[in-house]
N, C-alpha and C. Protein backbone atom coordinates (compact mmCIF):
# COMPACT_ATOMS: atom_id res chain seq x y z
N MET A 1 0.84 -1.20 0.04
CA MET A 1 -0.02 -0.01 -0.01
C MET A 1 0.87 1.26 -0.02
N ARG A 2 0.50 2.22 -0.80
CA ARG A 2 1.22 3.45 -0.91
C ARG A 2 1.08 4.33 0.32
N LYS A 3 2.14 5.00 0.73
CA LYS A 3 2.09 5.92 1.86
C LYS A 3 1.17 7.10 1.47
N LYS A 4 0.39 7.59 2.45
CA LYS A 4 -0.32 8.86 2.21
C LYS A 4 0.64 9.94 2.24
N THR A 5 0.40 10.93 1.26
CA THR A 5 1.24 12.12 1.16
C THR A 5 0.41 13.26 1.78
N ILE A 6 0.96 13.85 2.80
CA ILE A 6 0.26 14.93 3.50
C ILE A 6 0.99 16.24 3.47
N TYR A 7 0.12 17.28 3.62
CA TYR A 7 0.61 18.67 3.64
C TYR A 7 -0.01 19.33 4.88
N LEU A 8 0.80 19.84 5.80
CA LEU A 8 0.26 20.59 6.89
C LEU A 8 0.47 22.07 6.64
N ASP A 9 -0.61 22.86 6.71
CA ASP A 9 -0.45 24.31 6.40
C ASP A 9 0.22 24.93 7.65
N VAL A 10 0.50 26.24 7.52
CA VAL A 10 1.23 26.94 8.56
C VAL A 10 0.50 27.02 9.90
N CYS A 11 -0.84 27.17 9.86
CA CYS A 11 -1.58 27.18 11.11
C CYS A 11 -1.50 25.84 11.83
N SER A 12 -1.43 24.75 11.11
CA SER A 12 -1.25 23.45 11.70
C SER A 12 0.20 23.29 12.27
N LEU A 13 1.13 23.74 11.50
CA LEU A 13 2.54 23.64 11.99
C LEU A 13 2.79 24.49 13.23
N CYS A 14 2.05 25.55 13.35
CA CYS A 14 2.21 26.48 14.52
C CYS A 14 1.43 25.97 15.73
N ARG A 15 0.42 25.08 15.53
CA ARG A 15 -0.50 24.70 16.60
C ARG A 15 0.20 24.21 17.84
N PRO A 16 1.29 23.44 17.76
CA PRO A 16 1.93 23.01 19.06
C PRO A 16 2.55 24.19 19.81
N PHE A 17 2.71 25.32 19.21
CA PHE A 17 3.33 26.44 19.91
C PHE A 17 2.30 27.57 20.20
N ASP A 18 1.02 27.31 20.00
CA ASP A 18 -0.05 28.22 20.33
C ASP A 18 -0.39 28.11 21.78
N ASP A 19 -1.26 29.03 22.33
CA ASP A 19 -1.72 28.96 23.69
C ASP A 19 -2.54 27.65 23.91
N GLN A 20 -2.03 26.82 24.77
CA GLN A 20 -2.66 25.52 24.95
C GLN A 20 -3.78 25.54 26.01
N SER A 21 -4.20 26.73 26.51
CA SER A 21 -5.24 26.76 27.54
C SER A 21 -6.64 26.53 27.02
N HIS A 22 -6.82 26.54 25.71
CA HIS A 22 -8.12 26.15 25.13
C HIS A 22 -8.07 24.70 24.72
N GLU A 23 -9.10 23.93 25.09
CA GLU A 23 -9.10 22.48 24.91
C GLU A 23 -8.96 22.15 23.38
N ARG A 24 -9.64 22.82 22.49
CA ARG A 24 -9.60 22.54 21.07
C ARG A 24 -8.17 22.73 20.57
N ILE A 25 -7.55 23.83 20.96
CA ILE A 25 -6.11 24.07 20.50
C ILE A 25 -5.21 23.02 21.03
N ARG A 26 -5.39 22.64 22.25
CA ARG A 26 -4.50 21.58 22.87
C ARG A 26 -4.68 20.27 22.15
N LEU A 27 -5.93 19.91 21.85
CA LEU A 27 -6.21 18.63 21.15
C LEU A 27 -5.68 18.63 19.76
N GLU A 28 -5.83 19.78 19.04
CA GLU A 28 -5.24 19.88 17.71
C GLU A 28 -3.73 19.81 17.78
N ALA A 29 -3.12 20.45 18.76
CA ALA A 29 -1.67 20.44 18.89
C ALA A 29 -1.19 19.02 19.13
N GLU A 30 -1.89 18.26 20.01
CA GLU A 30 -1.51 16.89 20.24
C GLU A 30 -1.60 16.05 18.92
N ALA A 31 -2.66 16.31 18.14
CA ALA A 31 -2.84 15.62 16.88
C ALA A 31 -1.70 15.98 15.94
N VAL A 32 -1.32 17.19 15.83
CA VAL A 32 -0.24 17.60 14.97
C VAL A 32 1.04 16.94 15.39
N VAL A 33 1.34 16.87 16.68
CA VAL A 33 2.56 16.24 17.15
C VAL A 33 2.55 14.77 16.82
N ALA A 34 1.37 14.12 16.96
CA ALA A 34 1.22 12.67 16.55
C ALA A 34 1.46 12.53 15.09
N ILE A 35 0.95 13.36 14.26
CA ILE A 35 1.15 13.26 12.79
C ILE A 35 2.59 13.50 12.45
N LEU A 36 3.27 14.44 13.09
CA LEU A 36 4.70 14.67 12.79
C LEU A 36 5.58 13.49 13.27
N ALA A 37 5.16 12.88 14.36
CA ALA A 37 5.91 11.69 14.84
C ALA A 37 5.80 10.56 13.84
N ARG A 38 4.63 10.41 13.22
CA ARG A 38 4.45 9.40 12.17
C ARG A 38 5.21 9.75 10.88
N CYS A 39 5.28 11.01 10.57
CA CYS A 39 6.09 11.48 9.45
C CYS A 39 7.56 11.09 9.68
N GLU A 40 8.04 11.33 10.91
CA GLU A 40 9.42 11.11 11.25
C GLU A 40 9.74 9.57 11.12
N LYS A 41 8.72 8.68 11.47
CA LYS A 41 8.89 7.23 11.35
C LYS A 41 8.72 6.75 9.89
N GLY A 42 8.26 7.61 9.03
CA GLY A 42 8.07 7.19 7.65
C GLY A 42 6.71 6.67 7.34
N THR A 43 5.77 6.83 8.22
CA THR A 43 4.45 6.40 7.99
C THR A 43 3.75 7.17 6.89
N TYR A 44 3.98 8.48 6.87
CA TYR A 44 3.41 9.35 5.88
C TYR A 44 4.59 10.06 5.08
N LYS A 45 4.31 10.48 3.85
CA LYS A 45 5.19 11.34 3.19
C LYS A 45 4.75 12.80 3.44
N PHE A 46 5.59 13.56 4.00
CA PHE A 46 5.31 14.94 4.35
C PHE A 46 5.91 15.88 3.45
N LEU A 47 5.05 16.62 2.73
CA LEU A 47 5.50 17.66 1.77
C LEU A 47 5.16 19.07 2.28
N LEU A 48 5.96 19.99 1.89
CA LEU A 48 5.61 21.39 2.13
C LEU A 48 5.85 22.14 0.81
N SER A 49 5.66 23.42 0.86
CA SER A 49 5.77 24.23 -0.37
C SER A 49 6.59 25.50 -0.12
N ASP A 50 6.89 26.08 -1.28
CA ASP A 50 7.55 27.40 -1.24
C ASP A 50 6.69 28.40 -0.41
N ALA A 51 5.39 28.24 -0.50
CA ALA A 51 4.45 29.12 0.23
C ALA A 51 4.63 28.91 1.77
N VAL A 52 4.82 27.74 2.16
CA VAL A 52 5.08 27.49 3.60
C VAL A 52 6.37 28.16 4.07
N ILE A 53 7.38 27.92 3.28
CA ILE A 53 8.69 28.44 3.65
C ILE A 53 8.64 30.00 3.73
N TYR A 54 7.94 30.62 2.73
CA TYR A 54 7.79 32.07 2.68
C TYR A 54 7.03 32.55 3.88
N GLU A 55 5.93 31.89 4.20
CA GLU A 55 5.04 32.38 5.26
C GLU A 55 5.75 32.25 6.62
N ILE A 56 6.46 31.14 6.85
CA ILE A 56 7.17 31.00 8.11
C ILE A 56 8.30 31.94 8.20
N ALA A 57 9.02 32.18 7.15
CA ALA A 57 10.16 33.18 7.17
C ALA A 57 9.70 34.58 7.52
N ASN A 58 8.41 34.85 7.34
CA ASN A 58 7.90 36.16 7.59
C ASN A 58 7.04 36.21 8.91
N MET A 59 7.20 35.21 9.76
CA MET A 59 6.47 35.23 11.01
C MET A 59 7.15 36.30 11.94
N PRO A 60 6.33 37.15 12.58
CA PRO A 60 6.93 38.19 13.39
C PRO A 60 7.58 37.72 14.73
N ASP A 61 7.14 36.61 15.26
CA ASP A 61 7.74 36.06 16.47
C ASP A 61 8.98 35.19 16.22
N PRO A 62 10.15 35.72 16.46
CA PRO A 62 11.36 34.93 16.11
C PRO A 62 11.49 33.57 16.80
N ILE A 63 10.99 33.48 18.04
CA ILE A 63 11.14 32.19 18.76
C ILE A 63 10.16 31.18 18.10
N LYS A 64 8.97 31.58 17.88
CA LYS A 64 8.00 30.64 17.26
C LYS A 64 8.47 30.28 15.89
N ARG A 65 9.01 31.28 15.13
CA ARG A 65 9.49 31.02 13.82
C ARG A 65 10.58 29.93 13.84
N MET A 66 11.52 30.05 14.76
CA MET A 66 12.62 29.10 14.89
C MET A 66 12.12 27.71 15.19
N LYS A 67 11.14 27.61 16.07
CA LYS A 67 10.56 26.29 16.45
C LYS A 67 9.86 25.68 15.30
N VAL A 68 9.07 26.42 14.53
CA VAL A 68 8.37 25.92 13.32
C VAL A 68 9.35 25.53 12.22
N GLU A 69 10.43 26.31 12.07
CA GLU A 69 11.44 26.00 11.05
C GLU A 69 12.11 24.65 11.33
N GLN A 70 12.24 24.31 12.57
CA GLN A 70 12.79 23.00 12.98
C GLN A 70 11.92 21.87 12.44
N ILE A 71 10.62 22.05 12.43
CA ILE A 71 9.70 21.07 11.96
C ILE A 71 9.90 20.80 10.47
N LEU A 72 10.24 21.82 9.76
CA LEU A 72 10.39 21.71 8.36
C LEU A 72 11.44 20.72 7.90
N ALA A 73 12.37 20.45 8.71
CA ALA A 73 13.42 19.42 8.45
C ALA A 73 12.82 18.01 8.28
N LEU A 74 11.63 17.78 8.77
CA LEU A 74 11.02 16.52 8.54
C LEU A 74 10.43 16.28 7.18
N ALA A 75 10.33 17.34 6.43
CA ALA A 75 9.68 17.24 5.13
C ALA A 75 10.50 16.36 4.17
N ASP A 76 9.74 15.62 3.38
CA ASP A 76 10.35 14.76 2.38
C ASP A 76 10.64 15.49 1.12
N ASP A 77 9.95 16.57 0.86
CA ASP A 77 10.18 17.28 -0.39
C ASP A 77 9.45 18.65 -0.34
N ILE A 78 9.75 19.50 -1.24
CA ILE A 78 9.15 20.85 -1.35
C ILE A 78 8.45 20.99 -2.70
N ILE A 79 7.25 21.43 -2.65
CA ILE A 79 6.47 21.67 -3.87
C ILE A 79 6.73 23.15 -4.32
N SER A 80 7.22 23.31 -5.53
CA SER A 80 7.43 24.65 -6.04
C SER A 80 6.14 25.28 -6.46
N VAL A 81 6.06 26.60 -6.21
CA VAL A 81 4.92 27.41 -6.69
C VAL A 81 5.24 27.78 -8.15
N ASP A 82 4.50 27.15 -9.04
CA ASP A 82 4.78 27.37 -10.49
C ASP A 82 3.51 27.94 -11.13
N GLU A 83 3.52 28.01 -12.43
CA GLU A 83 2.34 28.53 -13.14
C GLU A 83 1.03 27.74 -12.90
N LYS A 84 1.17 26.38 -12.84
CA LYS A 84 -0.02 25.56 -12.58
C LYS A 84 -0.57 25.82 -11.18
N VAL A 85 0.30 25.92 -10.23
CA VAL A 85 -0.11 26.22 -8.87
C VAL A 85 -0.77 27.59 -8.76
N ALA A 86 -0.19 28.58 -9.46
CA ALA A 86 -0.77 29.91 -9.49
C ALA A 86 -2.12 29.93 -10.13
N ALA A 87 -2.28 29.19 -11.20
CA ALA A 87 -3.56 29.15 -11.92
C ALA A 87 -4.66 28.56 -11.03
N LEU A 88 -4.28 27.46 -10.32
CA LEU A 88 -5.26 26.84 -9.45
C LEU A 88 -5.55 27.75 -8.27
N ALA A 89 -4.58 28.42 -7.80
CA ALA A 89 -4.81 29.34 -6.66
C ALA A 89 -5.81 30.45 -7.12
N GLY A 90 -5.66 30.90 -8.37
CA GLY A 90 -6.63 31.86 -8.92
C GLY A 90 -8.06 31.29 -8.94
N LYS A 91 -8.23 30.08 -9.28
CA LYS A 91 -9.60 29.42 -9.25
C LYS A 91 -10.11 29.40 -7.79
N LEU A 92 -9.20 29.06 -6.91
CA LEU A 92 -9.57 28.91 -5.45
C LEU A 92 -10.01 30.29 -4.97
N GLU A 93 -9.27 31.35 -5.41
CA GLU A 93 -9.66 32.69 -4.97
C GLU A 93 -11.08 33.03 -5.37
N LYS A 94 -11.45 32.63 -6.59
CA LYS A 94 -12.84 32.88 -7.07
C LYS A 94 -13.89 32.14 -6.18
N GLN A 95 -13.43 31.06 -5.48
CA GLN A 95 -14.29 30.35 -4.57
C GLN A 95 -14.26 30.89 -3.11
N GLY A 96 -13.53 31.98 -2.98
CA GLY A 96 -13.48 32.65 -1.63
C GLY A 96 -12.32 32.24 -0.78
N ILE A 97 -11.36 31.55 -1.31
CA ILE A 97 -10.09 31.24 -0.58
C ILE A 97 -9.05 32.22 -1.05
N HIS A 98 -8.51 32.98 -0.09
CA HIS A 98 -7.66 34.08 -0.52
C HIS A 98 -6.20 33.91 -0.09
N GLY A 99 -5.43 34.63 -0.83
CA GLY A 99 -3.98 34.80 -0.49
C GLY A 99 -3.22 33.50 -0.36
N MET A 100 -2.53 33.43 0.86
CA MET A 100 -1.63 32.32 1.08
C MET A 100 -2.40 31.01 1.15
N ASP A 101 -3.63 31.08 1.67
CA ASP A 101 -4.43 29.87 1.76
C ASP A 101 -4.68 29.20 0.44
N ALA A 102 -4.94 30.08 -0.58
CA ALA A 102 -5.12 29.56 -1.94
C ALA A 102 -3.82 28.94 -2.48
N LEU A 103 -2.68 29.55 -2.15
CA LEU A 103 -1.40 29.00 -2.62
C LEU A 103 -1.08 27.66 -1.94
N HIS A 104 -1.37 27.57 -0.60
CA HIS A 104 -1.15 26.30 0.10
C HIS A 104 -2.04 25.23 -0.46
N LEU A 105 -3.29 25.49 -0.65
CA LEU A 105 -4.15 24.47 -1.24
C LEU A 105 -3.75 24.01 -2.62
N ALA A 106 -3.42 24.99 -3.47
CA ALA A 106 -3.04 24.68 -4.84
C ALA A 106 -1.73 23.92 -4.86
N SER A 107 -0.80 24.28 -4.01
CA SER A 107 0.41 23.59 -3.91
C SER A 107 0.20 22.12 -3.52
N ALA A 108 -0.55 21.95 -2.45
CA ALA A 108 -0.82 20.58 -1.91
C ALA A 108 -1.51 19.74 -2.95
N ASP A 109 -2.42 20.34 -3.69
CA ASP A 109 -3.24 19.56 -4.70
C ASP A 109 -2.34 18.97 -5.78
N ARG A 110 -1.21 19.54 -5.98
CA ARG A 110 -0.29 19.02 -7.03
C ARG A 110 0.24 17.61 -6.71
N ARG A 111 0.51 17.33 -5.40
CA ARG A 111 1.16 16.05 -5.09
C ARG A 111 0.72 15.37 -3.77
N CYS A 112 -0.32 15.91 -3.09
CA CYS A 112 -0.68 15.35 -1.83
C CYS A 112 -2.08 14.77 -1.86
N ASP A 113 -2.25 13.86 -0.91
CA ASP A 113 -3.57 13.16 -0.71
C ASP A 113 -4.41 13.93 0.29
N VAL A 114 -3.74 14.46 1.27
CA VAL A 114 -4.49 15.15 2.43
C VAL A 114 -3.85 16.49 2.73
N PHE A 115 -4.69 17.46 2.90
CA PHE A 115 -4.34 18.83 3.28
C PHE A 115 -4.82 18.94 4.72
N ILE A 116 -3.95 19.15 5.71
CA ILE A 116 -4.27 19.20 7.12
C ILE A 116 -4.21 20.67 7.56
N THR A 117 -5.32 21.15 8.13
CA THR A 117 -5.41 22.54 8.53
C THR A 117 -6.23 22.67 9.78
N THR A 118 -5.96 23.70 10.57
CA THR A 118 -6.86 24.05 11.74
C THR A 118 -7.72 25.30 11.37
N ASP A 119 -7.61 25.79 10.12
CA ASP A 119 -8.25 26.98 9.70
C ASP A 119 -9.74 26.63 9.44
N GLN A 120 -10.56 27.21 10.33
CA GLN A 120 -12.02 26.84 10.24
C GLN A 120 -12.66 27.33 8.96
N ALA A 121 -12.23 28.41 8.39
CA ALA A 121 -12.79 28.87 7.12
C ALA A 121 -12.52 27.96 6.00
N ILE A 122 -11.30 27.40 5.95
CA ILE A 122 -10.96 26.42 4.89
C ILE A 122 -11.77 25.17 5.15
N LEU A 123 -11.82 24.72 6.35
CA LEU A 123 -12.58 23.47 6.70
C LEU A 123 -14.04 23.56 6.30
N LYS A 124 -14.63 24.72 6.58
CA LYS A 124 -16.06 24.93 6.23
C LYS A 124 -16.31 24.90 4.71
N LYS A 125 -15.32 25.37 3.92
CA LYS A 125 -15.44 25.46 2.47
C LYS A 125 -14.97 24.16 1.79
N SER A 126 -14.49 23.15 2.55
CA SER A 126 -13.93 22.00 1.91
C SER A 126 -14.88 21.24 1.03
N GLY A 127 -16.11 21.18 1.40
CA GLY A 127 -17.11 20.51 0.52
C GLY A 127 -17.24 21.21 -0.79
N GLU A 128 -17.27 22.49 -0.86
CA GLU A 128 -17.42 23.27 -2.04
C GLU A 128 -16.17 23.14 -2.88
N LEU A 129 -15.00 22.91 -2.30
CA LEU A 129 -13.74 22.83 -3.05
C LEU A 129 -13.47 21.47 -3.63
N SER A 130 -14.28 20.49 -3.30
CA SER A 130 -14.02 19.12 -3.73
C SER A 130 -14.16 18.94 -5.25
N SER A 131 -14.92 19.87 -5.86
CA SER A 131 -14.99 19.81 -7.35
C SER A 131 -13.75 20.39 -8.02
N ILE A 132 -13.00 21.16 -7.30
CA ILE A 132 -11.80 21.78 -7.85
C ILE A 132 -10.48 21.01 -7.49
N LEU A 133 -10.51 20.49 -6.27
CA LEU A 133 -9.29 19.85 -5.74
C LEU A 133 -9.41 18.33 -5.73
N SER A 134 -8.30 17.67 -5.85
CA SER A 134 -8.30 16.18 -5.82
C SER A 134 -7.86 15.64 -4.47
N LEU A 135 -7.63 16.46 -3.52
CA LEU A 135 -7.16 16.06 -2.19
C LEU A 135 -8.27 16.18 -1.19
N THR A 136 -8.06 15.60 0.00
CA THR A 136 -9.03 15.69 1.07
C THR A 136 -8.50 16.76 2.08
N ILE A 137 -9.38 17.58 2.57
CA ILE A 137 -9.02 18.63 3.53
C ILE A 137 -9.55 18.14 4.91
N MET A 138 -8.67 18.15 5.85
CA MET A 138 -9.04 17.66 7.22
C MET A 138 -8.40 18.42 8.34
N ASN A 139 -9.08 18.46 9.39
CA ASN A 139 -8.53 18.94 10.71
C ASN A 139 -7.62 17.90 11.22
N PRO A 140 -6.55 18.27 11.86
CA PRO A 140 -5.58 17.24 12.36
C PRO A 140 -6.20 16.24 13.32
N MET A 141 -7.20 16.59 14.19
CA MET A 141 -7.80 15.67 15.05
C MET A 141 -8.60 14.62 14.25
N ASN A 142 -9.31 15.03 13.20
CA ASN A 142 -10.06 14.10 12.41
C ASN A 142 -9.16 13.19 11.63
N PHE A 143 -8.05 13.71 11.18
CA PHE A 143 -7.08 12.86 10.41
C PHE A 143 -6.54 11.78 11.34
N VAL A 144 -6.15 12.11 12.54
CA VAL A 144 -5.57 11.13 13.45
C VAL A 144 -6.63 10.13 13.78
N ALA A 145 -7.87 10.56 14.09
CA ALA A 145 -8.99 9.67 14.44
C ALA A 145 -9.24 8.70 13.27
N GLU A 146 -9.28 9.23 12.11
CA GLU A 146 -9.50 8.32 10.89
C GLU A 146 -8.41 7.30 10.70
N GLU A 147 -7.19 7.75 10.91
CA GLU A 147 -6.02 6.88 10.73
C GLU A 147 -5.97 5.74 11.75
N ILE A 148 -6.43 6.06 12.97
CA ILE A 148 -6.47 5.04 14.05
C ILE A 148 -7.43 3.99 13.72
N TYR A 149 -8.55 4.31 13.18
CA TYR A 149 -9.65 3.41 12.94
C TYR A 149 -9.63 2.78 11.49
N GLU A 150 -8.66 3.17 10.73
CA GLU A 150 -8.58 2.66 9.37
C GLU A 150 -8.11 1.19 9.31
C-alpha cells in the first residue's frame, strides 16, 4: 500500500506552539505532534511548499519562527509554486479562498492526498472545493482519528 502524502499548512505547523489553555487548541496540537511523529517514522510522506517556507520566514515572533522551522526538516520534499499552482490558486480565490491559503491548497493539490489545517474557514469550504481539488481537507484531530480506525 502506498504511503499517504500529507501537507500541513502553517496554522497546523504552529499549533503546538499556540496557547494551549483552550481545549480545542490543545487537542489539535496533540494531533499535529502525533502526525509529525508518524512522518518522522516514515508512515506518511510529508511535503511542504515554497508558500510554507515564505510564510514561516515572515512570522513576526522569532522564537515561534525558529521552532516551526525545525519542523520543516522532517519534510520529504518541497512543492514549487509554479504557473499551474498559481492558476489553481486563482480558481480557489474565485471560490473565496484568498492569498496564502489559496497557494497552500493549490500547492498541496499538485502532489498530496491530504491537506491538514486548523483553519475553520478552509474546513467549512472543503465541501465546495471538492470539485476543484483532488485532495481531502481535514482537521488534524479528524485525520488522526480516521487513521487510528482505518
